[in-house]
Amino acid sequence: MIPDSAPVAAAPSKGTSDQVLTYDLTTAGGVARYVASLLDPALYKCVHRVEQLSGGFTNYVWRVKLAPVSTPTSSRSHRPRRPSTRTGPTITIPSLATSLVLKYFAPQIRALPGVELSQDRAAKEYSALAAMSAALSRGTLSTGASVLNESQLVWSVPTPFHFCAAHHAVIMEDAATPSSVLMFDFLRSPHTRSELFKLAIALVDFARAVPVALTSCHGNGVEWNQGMNELFETSTEPQMLAMVAKCSAFGDQVATRWAERITAARKHPHARDGQIFGDFWPNSILLHLSTPDTATDGAGGAPTAMSVIDWECSRLGHPDQDFVQMVGNLVTMRAGTRQTAGTFDLDAVETMIAELLTAARPYLDGTWDHPAMSLRYVAYLSQFDHFGITDAPRAIAESAEFLEALFRGVSWPSFSNLAAASE
């Protein structure tokens, strides 16, 4: 049974076709009624069930399961389908679709109601998805399969179906299948180097394609996704810097040096060169495996394709920004597993790091400080329990040494040049 959540009157909103009613998209009932109001009767589909997905701590993400409704009798099945006579807005979806994903962009961080967020990020996610989908349809981006062979991982993005400014909501393709698993969970179990190499190639192909598709579409003006830019610049980045600067396992001089390196890298001449994905971590990567992941531990087979989800953080950044975010997350997973055995498969995580660097290295900006920009993610992520870190200062300090060794041979400004770079 669908929970009760009656619509209420709303003032018309410029830029949306949903002008009469508004629905509570924080509840399953509200979501069900909202989607039902948009379904074209000519599709002969209805809302069957609504499930809340793990949408992080800022948004409400729902899977809407669809079911067929009664169609004309078989004696009339040869007749053309009668066009719908509804006058309200509808969503255009594939006739074979059995589910959709609805993402509602709330005005606050769910865990921190006092922290307000711009709901304009709904429009930015829809715009980014639409631009990427269009570029993929035109065949202008490398998805992996076109450059290597048919066994290469192919990446994609969910197709956006509907955006409503009044509801701050995006309805899109449900990219998940019974054989899908998030990369975060995939790395909890062992995998071959070949599997991880193919995944690394796909990740790098994707990261390089984003600015090609989005910068040409939206330009590189500072106004693009200004709300998210401001959130990162005034909140997230200062937190990252402070966590490195105050790391007790470093000692004052070493902590200060790392903080200065981060500050200098953030003022790099190419720091705002073009658009980035902006949230490139393993939980944004949905892997489609060769066999269903029945154990839900990532052991369901080798990845055959991947979908990249959650686009609200797409903004201006350095061309290597997405790469260092993924490295920072993987190094945090490594640190957590070294402190809490079994959190992830250590060999799989370390191999993934190595293969990712191998795949990305020919394209990296040799003047940017990759170790420092990766380390700030380790410091920030060490506060979250799901990484398994029990001693954050030690994890940060040991990860700093690991990152220095990892990027040896990839140049960045020497410490003697930091003062000039940060002025």
Protein backbone atom coordinates (compact mmCIF):
# COMPACT_ATOMS: atom_id res chain seq x y z
CA MET A 1 0.00 0.00 0.00
CA ILE A 2 1.28 3.45 -0.88
CA PRO A 3 1.53 5.73 2.19
CA ASP A 4 -0.79 8.71 2.21
CA SER A 5 0.75 12.02 1.19
CA ALA A 6 -1.80 14.32 -0.36
CA PRO A 7 -0.71 17.05 -2.77
CA VAL A 8 -1.21 20.66 -1.79
CA ALA A 9 -1.65 23.78 -3.87
CA ALA A 10 1.46 25.59 -5.06
CA ALA A 11 2.12 28.83 -6.87
CA PRO A 12 3.22 28.50 -10.50
CA SER A 13 6.98 28.29 -10.88
CA LYS A 14 8.80 29.76 -13.86
CA GLY A 15 10.78 27.21 -15.82
CA THR A 16 8.69 24.16 -14.97
CA SER A 17 5.58 22.57 -16.42
CA ASP A 18 4.51 21.24 -13.01
CA GLN A 19 2.59 24.37 -12.02
CA VAL A 20 -0.56 23.27 -10.22
CA LEU A 21 0.29 20.82 -7.44
CA THR A 22 3.29 20.09 -5.33
CA TYR A 23 4.07 16.81 -3.59
CA ASP A 24 6.14 15.88 -0.56
CA LEU A 25 9.10 14.14 -2.16
CA THR A 26 10.58 13.21 1.22
CA THR A 27 7.96 10.46 1.53
CA ALA A 28 7.28 7.34 -0.52
CA GLY A 29 3.63 8.29 -0.88
CA GLY A 30 4.42 11.74 -2.17
CA VAL A 31 6.89 10.32 -4.68
CA ALA A 32 4.38 7.71 -5.85
CA ARG A 33 1.67 10.26 -6.43
CA TYR A 34 4.01 12.70 -8.13
CA VAL A 35 5.33 10.13 -10.61
CA ALA A 36 1.81 8.79 -11.20
CA SER A 37 0.70 12.30 -12.10
CA LEU A 38 3.35 12.42 -14.83
CA LEU A 39 2.87 9.00 -16.43
CA ASP A 40 1.24 9.08 -19.84
CA PRO A 41 -1.83 6.76 -19.77
CA ALA A 42 -0.89 5.64 -23.27
CA LEU A 43 2.05 3.77 -21.73
CA TYR A 44 -0.33 1.53 -19.74
CA LYS A 45 1.91 1.75 -16.69
CA CYS A 46 1.29 2.58 -13.05
CA VAL A 47 3.41 3.09 -9.95
CA HIS A 48 3.73 -0.27 -8.22
CA ARG A 49 6.24 0.35 -5.43
CA VAL A 50 8.61 3.06 -4.18
CA GLU A 51 11.91 2.21 -2.47
CA GLN A 52 14.29 4.66 -0.83
CA LEU A 53 17.88 4.27 -1.98
CA SER A 54 21.06 5.28 -0.19
CA GLY A 55 21.30 8.80 -1.50
CA GLY A 56 23.96 10.11 0.85
CA PHE A 57 23.18 12.70 3.49
CA THR A 58 21.92 15.56 1.34
CA ASN A 59 19.24 14.19 -0.99
CA TYR A 60 16.28 11.85 -1.13
CA VAL A 61 16.80 9.23 -3.82
CA TRP A 62 13.95 6.89 -4.70
CA ARG A 63 13.50 3.91 -7.00
CA VAL A 64 10.02 3.90 -8.49
CA LYS A 65 8.94 0.45 -9.68
CA LEU A 66 6.41 0.43 -12.48
CA ALA A 67 3.83 -2.20 -13.37
CA PRO A 68 1.60 -2.73 -16.41
CA VAL A 69 -2.06 -1.80 -16.23
CA SER A 70 -4.96 -3.24 -18.16
CA THR A 71 -4.64 -2.86 -21.90
CA PRO A 72 -7.33 -3.19 -24.59
CA THR A 73 -8.73 -6.69 -25.02
CA SER A 74 -6.99 -9.05 -27.39
CA SER A 75 -9.80 -8.65 -29.93
CA ARG A 76 -8.88 -4.99 -30.20
CA SER A 77 -5.12 -5.39 -29.87
CA HIS A 78 -4.64 -4.87 -33.60
CA ARG A 79 -6.01 -1.36 -33.39
CA PRO A 80 -3.61 1.59 -33.10
CA ARG A 81 -3.12 2.86 -29.59
CA ARG A 82 -5.36 5.84 -28.90
CA PRO A 83 -3.37 9.01 -28.22
CA SER A 84 -3.46 10.30 -24.68
CA THR A 85 -5.88 13.17 -24.06
CA ARG A 86 -4.24 14.42 -20.86
CA THR A 87 -3.29 18.08 -20.82
CA GLY A 88 -0.81 18.09 -17.93
CA PRO A 89 2.93 17.41 -18.07
CA THR A 90 4.16 13.93 -18.87
CA ILE A 91 7.50 12.22 -18.83
CA THR A 92 8.87 10.47 -21.87
CA ILE A 93 10.28 7.09 -20.90
CA PRO A 94 11.13 3.93 -22.84
CA SER A 95 8.10 1.67 -23.22
CA LEU A 96 10.03 -1.26 -21.73
CA ALA A 97 11.15 0.62 -18.61
CA THR A 98 10.17 -1.16 -15.40
CA SER A 99 11.59 1.38 -12.97
CA LEU A 100 12.77 4.98 -12.65
CA VAL A 101 14.93 6.88 -10.20
CA LEU A 102 13.69 10.13 -8.69
CA LYS A 103 16.15 12.40 -6.93
CA TYR A 104 14.84 15.21 -4.74
CA PHE A 105 17.35 17.91 -3.82
CA ALA A 106 16.56 19.06 -0.29
CA PRO A 107 17.39 22.59 0.95
CA GLN A 108 19.54 21.35 3.84
CA ILE A 109 22.06 18.63 4.59
CA ARG A 110 19.85 15.92 6.06
CA ALA A 111 22.22 15.17 8.93
CA LEU A 112 22.87 18.88 9.56
CA PRO A 113 19.57 20.76 9.14
CA GLY A 114 21.26 24.07 9.91
CA VAL A 115 23.46 23.84 6.81
CA GLU A 116 21.53 25.18 3.84
CA LEU A 117 22.17 24.13 0.26
CA SER A 118 21.18 25.70 -3.03
CA GLN A 119 18.39 23.65 -4.58
CA ASP A 120 19.59 24.89 -7.96
CA ARG A 121 21.85 21.84 -7.92
CA ALA A 122 18.85 19.90 -9.29
CA ALA A 123 19.01 21.94 -12.47
CA LYS A 124 22.77 21.48 -12.65
CA GLU A 125 22.52 17.69 -12.34
CA TYR A 126 19.87 17.54 -15.03
CA SER A 127 21.86 19.84 -17.30
CA ALA A 128 25.05 17.81 -16.86
CA LEU A 129 23.26 14.50 -17.48
CA ALA A 130 21.52 15.89 -20.54
CA ALA A 131 24.79 17.19 -22.00
CA MET A 132 26.63 13.93 -21.35
CA SER A 133 23.76 11.83 -22.73
CA ALA A 134 23.63 13.95 -25.87
CA ALA A 135 27.38 13.67 -26.40
CA LEU A 136 27.22 9.90 -25.94
CA SER A 137 24.33 9.65 -28.40
CA ARG A 138 26.33 11.59 -30.98
CA GLY A 139 29.28 9.25 -30.50
CA THR A 140 31.66 12.12 -29.81
CA LEU A 141 33.08 10.68 -26.58
CA SER A 142 35.36 7.72 -25.98
CA THR A 143 33.52 5.19 -23.85
CA GLY A 144 36.29 2.60 -23.91
CA ALA A 145 34.79 0.03 -26.24
CA SER A 146 35.32 2.21 -29.28
CA VAL A 147 39.05 2.49 -28.69
CA LEU A 148 40.08 -0.96 -27.59
CA ASN A 149 37.98 -4.06 -28.10
CA GLU A 150 34.60 -5.47 -27.22
CA SER A 151 35.88 -6.84 -23.89
CA GLN A 152 36.69 -3.32 -22.65
CA LEU A 153 34.48 -1.77 -19.99
CA VAL A 154 31.98 0.67 -21.45
CA TRP A 155 30.91 3.61 -19.31
CA SER A 156 27.62 5.45 -19.47
CA VAL A 157 25.45 7.88 -17.52
CA PRO A 158 21.75 7.59 -16.58
CA THR A 159 19.47 9.13 -19.19
CA PRO A 160 17.54 12.07 -17.68
CA PHE A 161 13.79 11.99 -18.36
CA HIS A 162 12.34 14.94 -16.48
CA PHE A 163 13.30 18.02 -14.46
CA CYS A 164 10.96 20.11 -12.34
CA ALA A 165 12.18 23.41 -10.93
CA ALA A 166 9.17 23.71 -8.61
CA HIS A 167 9.87 20.34 -6.98
CA HIS A 168 13.69 20.53 -7.24
CA ALA A 169 13.57 17.03 -8.66
CA VAL A 170 15.11 15.02 -11.47
CA ILE A 171 13.65 11.79 -12.80
CA MET A 172 16.10 9.59 -14.65
CA GLU A 173 16.85 6.13 -15.91
CA ASP A 174 17.34 3.46 -13.26
CA ALA A 175 20.87 2.38 -14.14
CA ALA A 176 20.95 -0.52 -11.67
CA THR A 177 20.35 -4.14 -12.67
CA PRO A 178 20.34 -7.40 -10.67
CA SER A 179 24.03 -7.74 -11.55
CA SER A 180 25.04 -4.23 -10.42
CA VAL A 181 27.19 -3.29 -7.44
CA LEU A 182 28.79 -0.05 -6.30
CA MET A 183 32.56 0.09 -6.73
CA PHE A 184 32.82 0.78 -2.98
CA ASP A 185 31.39 -2.69 -2.26
CA PHE A 186 33.08 -4.32 -5.24
CA LEU A 187 36.48 -3.68 -3.62
CA ARG A 188 35.53 -5.62 -0.50
CA SER A 189 36.44 -8.86 -2.26
CA PRO A 190 39.43 -10.08 -4.34
CA HIS A 191 39.65 -9.33 -8.06
CA THR A 192 42.16 -10.02 -10.79
CA ARG A 193 44.62 -7.40 -12.00
CA SER A 194 43.06 -7.67 -15.46
CA GLU A 195 39.62 -6.76 -14.11
CA LEU A 196 41.00 -3.80 -12.19
CA PHE A 197 43.08 -2.62 -15.15
CA LYS A 198 39.98 -2.50 -17.36
CA LEU A 199 38.12 -0.62 -14.65
CA ALA A 200 40.99 1.87 -14.34
CA ILE A 201 40.96 2.52 -18.10
CA ALA A 202 37.21 3.16 -18.01
CA LEU A 203 37.52 5.54 -15.04
CA VAL A 204 40.23 7.56 -16.77
CA ASP A 205 38.32 7.59 -20.08
CA PHE A 206 35.31 8.96 -18.25
CA ALA A 207 37.23 11.62 -16.31
CA ARG A 208 38.84 12.88 -19.52
CA ALA A 209 35.50 12.96 -21.35
CA VAL A 210 33.67 15.15 -18.82
CA PRO A 211 35.37 18.47 -19.66
CA VAL A 212 35.13 17.68 -23.37
CA ALA A 213 31.35 17.34 -23.15
CA LEU A 214 30.49 19.87 -20.46
CA THR A 215 32.94 22.74 -20.87
CA SER A 216 32.02 23.18 -24.52
CA CYS A 217 28.34 23.07 -23.56
CA HIS A 218 28.34 25.32 -20.52
CA GLY A 219 31.56 27.25 -20.94
CA ASN A 220 33.87 27.89 -18.01
CA GLY A 221 32.21 30.94 -16.48
CA VAL A 222 32.35 31.29 -12.72
CA GLU A 223 28.55 31.37 -12.59
CA TRP A 224 28.26 27.65 -13.41
CA ASN A 225 26.90 25.80 -10.35
CA GLN A 226 27.84 28.73 -8.17
CA GLY A 227 26.07 27.27 -5.14
CA MET A 228 28.20 24.13 -5.12
CA ASN A 229 31.34 26.11 -5.90
CA GLU A 230 30.70 28.29 -2.87
CA LEU A 231 29.94 25.29 -0.64
CA PHE A 232 33.24 23.63 -1.47
CA GLU A 233 35.27 26.84 -1.33
CA THR A 234 33.85 28.11 1.96
CA SER A 235 33.17 24.86 3.83
CA THR A 236 34.64 21.61 2.50
CA GLU A 237 38.05 22.88 1.35
CA PRO A 238 38.78 24.77 4.62
CA GLN A 239 37.83 21.64 6.59
CA MET A 240 40.20 19.53 4.51
CA LEU A 241 43.04 22.00 4.95
CA ALA A 242 42.50 22.28 8.71
CA MET A 243 42.50 18.50 9.18
CA VAL A 244 45.88 18.24 7.46
CA ALA A 245 47.33 21.29 9.23
CA LYS A 246 46.27 19.97 12.65
CA CYS A 247 47.33 16.33 12.13
CA SER A 248 49.10 15.47 15.39
CA ALA A 249 51.04 12.60 13.84
CA PHE A 250 52.95 14.97 11.56
CA GLY A 251 54.54 17.44 13.92
CA ASP A 252 54.11 21.17 13.36
CA GLN A 253 56.69 21.65 10.59
CA VAL A 254 55.56 18.72 8.46
CA ALA A 255 51.88 19.59 8.92
CA THR A 256 52.58 23.19 7.90
CA ARG A 257 54.47 22.05 4.82
CA TRP A 258 51.60 19.84 3.64
CA ALA A 259 49.09 22.64 4.29
CA GLU A 260 51.21 25.04 2.23
CA ARG A 261 51.40 22.54 -0.62
CA ILE A 262 47.60 22.20 -0.64
CA THR A 263 47.15 25.98 -0.58
CA ALA A 264 49.58 26.43 -3.47
CA ALA A 265 47.94 23.70 -5.56
CA ARG A 266 44.52 25.26 -5.08
CA LYS A 267 45.91 28.49 -6.57
CA HIS A 268 47.37 26.71 -9.59
CA PRO A 269 46.88 28.59 -12.91
CA HIS A 270 44.65 25.78 -14.18
CA ALA A 271 42.63 25.39 -10.97
CA ARG A 272 39.41 26.47 -12.75
CA ASP A 273 40.16 25.41 -16.30
CA GLY A 274 36.93 23.59 -17.04
CA GLN A 275 34.13 21.45 -15.76
CA ILE A 276 34.71 18.35 -13.70
CA PHE A 277 32.38 15.62 -12.49
CA GLY A 278 33.06 16.81 -8.95
CA ASP A 279 32.10 13.74 -6.88
CA PHE A 280 34.39 11.05 -8.26
CA TRP A 281 34.49 8.37 -5.59
CA PRO A 282 33.64 4.64 -5.57
CA ASN A 283 30.01 5.16 -4.52
CA SER A 284 29.39 7.18 -7.68
CA ILE A 285 30.48 4.23 -9.83
CA LEU A 286 27.85 1.57 -10.46
CA LEU A 287 29.48 -1.55 -11.90
CA HIS A 288 27.53 -4.06 -13.97
CA LEU A 289 28.93 -7.54 -13.40
CA SER A 290 29.00 -10.56 -15.67
CA THR A 291 26.85 -12.51 -13.17
CA PRO A 292 24.45 -11.29 -10.46
CA ASP A 293 26.05 -10.23 -7.20
CA THR A 294 23.93 -12.55 -5.07
CA ALA A 295 26.23 -12.33 -2.07
CA THR A 296 26.16 -8.48 -2.15
CA ASP A 297 29.89 -8.52 -1.49
CA GLY A 298 31.15 -7.60 -4.93
CA ALA A 299 31.92 -11.22 -5.81
CA GLY A 300 29.36 -11.59 -8.57
CA GLY A 301 31.78 -11.70 -11.49
CA ALA A 302 33.91 -9.37 -13.57
CA PRO A 303 32.68 -5.87 -14.46
CA THR A 304 31.42 -5.57 -18.03
CA ALA A 305 30.22 -1.95 -17.91
CA MET A 306 29.85 0.96 -15.51
CA SER A 307 27.40 3.80 -14.96
CA VAL A 308 28.43 7.08 -13.32
CA ILE A 309 25.75 8.50 -11.04
CA ASP A 310 25.24 11.62 -8.86
CA TRP A 311 26.07 14.72 -10.92
CA GLU A 312 25.03 17.59 -8.65
CA CYS A 313 28.65 18.47 -7.75
CA SER A 314 29.71 19.07 -11.35
CA ARG A 315 31.53 22.40 -11.28
CA LEU A 316 34.71 24.15 -12.36
CA GLY A 317 38.02 22.59 -11.38
CA HIS A 318 41.49 21.45 -12.35
CA PRO A 319 41.56 18.77 -15.10
CA ASP A 320 43.10 16.29 -12.60
CA GLN A 321 40.66 17.10 -9.78
CA ASP A 322 38.42 14.07 -10.34
CA PHE A 323 41.46 11.80 -10.53
CA VAL A 324 42.88 12.92 -7.17
CA GLN A 325 39.48 12.56 -5.51
CA MET A 326 39.29 8.92 -6.61
CA VAL A 327 42.89 8.33 -5.52
CA GLY A 328 42.18 9.97 -2.16
CA ASN A 329 39.19 7.72 -1.59
CA LEU A 330 41.11 4.59 -2.54
CA VAL A 331 44.03 5.54 -0.30
CA THR A 332 41.56 6.11 2.55
CA MET A 333 40.13 2.63 1.92
CA ARG A 334 43.66 1.27 2.05
CA ALA A 335 44.36 3.05 5.34
CA GLY A 336 41.11 1.83 6.86
CA THR A 337 41.74 -1.78 5.86
CA ARG A 338 45.24 -1.62 7.36
CA GLN A 339 43.66 -0.53 10.65
CA THR A 340 40.49 -2.64 10.52
CA ALA A 341 41.19 -5.89 8.70
CA GLY A 342 38.48 -7.01 6.31
CA THR A 343 36.94 -3.61 5.69
CA PHE A 344 38.04 -3.93 2.06
CA ASP A 345 40.28 -6.36 0.21
CA LEU A 346 43.70 -4.78 0.67
CA ASP A 347 45.27 -6.33 -2.41
CA ALA A 348 42.33 -5.28 -4.61
CA VAL A 349 42.47 -1.70 -3.31
CA GLU A 350 46.24 -1.38 -3.73
CA THR A 351 46.11 -2.90 -7.21
CA MET A 352 43.29 -0.52 -8.13
CA ILE A 353 45.40 2.45 -7.02
CA ALA A 354 48.40 1.29 -9.05
CA GLU A 355 46.37 0.57 -12.19
CA LEU A 356 44.53 3.88 -11.94
CA LEU A 357 47.82 5.79 -11.85
CA THR A 358 49.18 3.74 -14.75
CA ALA A 359 46.11 4.54 -16.84
CA ALA A 360 46.06 8.25 -15.95
CA ARG A 361 49.77 9.03 -15.93
CA PRO A 362 50.13 10.01 -19.62
CA TYR A 363 47.47 12.69 -19.17
CA LEU A 364 48.36 14.17 -15.77
CA ASP A 365 49.44 17.79 -15.33
CA GLY A 366 53.05 17.53 -14.18
CA THR A 367 52.94 20.97 -12.57
CA TRP A 368 50.16 20.10 -10.10
CA ASP A 369 50.71 18.64 -6.62
CA HIS A 370 48.82 15.34 -6.83
CA PRO A 371 50.05 13.93 -3.47
CA ALA A 372 48.92 17.00 -1.53
CA MET A 373 45.58 17.27 -3.30
CA SER A 374 44.93 13.55 -2.72
CA LEU A 375 45.97 13.76 0.93
CA ARG A 376 43.36 16.36 1.77
CA TYR A 377 40.68 13.81 0.86
CA VAL A 378 42.26 11.21 3.13
CA ALA A 379 42.18 13.70 6.00
CA TYR A 380 38.56 14.62 5.36
CA LEU A 381 37.31 11.06 4.83
CA SER A 382 39.08 9.65 7.88
CA GLN A 383 36.21 10.94 10.04
CA PHE A 384 33.64 8.64 8.40
CA ASP A 385 33.16 5.23 10.02
CA HIS A 386 32.52 3.25 6.84
CA PHE A 387 36.19 3.52 5.84
CA GLY A 388 37.25 1.56 8.94
CA ILE A 389 39.77 4.11 10.24
CA THR A 390 40.27 3.99 14.01
CA ASP A 391 43.34 6.24 14.29
CA ALA A 392 42.89 9.19 11.93
CA PRO A 393 46.20 11.01 12.60
CA ARG A 394 48.20 7.85 11.93
CA ALA A 395 46.16 7.13 8.79
CA ILE A 396 46.82 10.64 7.46
CA ALA A 397 50.56 10.55 8.19
CA GLU A 398 51.07 7.06 6.74
CA SER A 399 48.99 7.96 3.68
CA ALA A 400 51.18 11.03 3.11
CA GLU A 401 54.25 8.79 2.86
CA PHE A 402 52.38 6.37 0.60
CA LEU A 403 51.25 9.17 -1.73
CA GLU A 404 54.74 10.67 -1.97
CA ALA A 405 56.06 7.29 -3.07
CA LEU A 406 53.11 6.65 -5.39
CA PHE A 407 53.59 9.88 -7.32
CA ARG A 408 57.38 9.82 -7.40
CA GLY A 409 58.34 10.73 -10.95
CA VAL A 410 55.20 12.78 -11.47
CA SER A 411 56.47 16.33 -10.99
CA TRP A 412 54.90 19.06 -8.91
CA PRO A 413 56.20 22.42 -7.62
CA SER A 414 59.13 22.00 -5.25
CA PHE A 415 58.74 23.16 -1.66
CA SER A 416 61.07 26.07 -2.33
CA ASN A 417 58.61 27.42 -4.89
CA LEU A 418 55.54 27.16 -2.67
CA ALA A 419 55.78 30.63 -1.19
CA ALA A 420 55.84 32.25 -4.62
CA ALA A 421 53.02 30.04 -5.89
CA SER A 422 50.74 30.89 -2.97
CA GLU A 423 51.17 34.67 -3.15
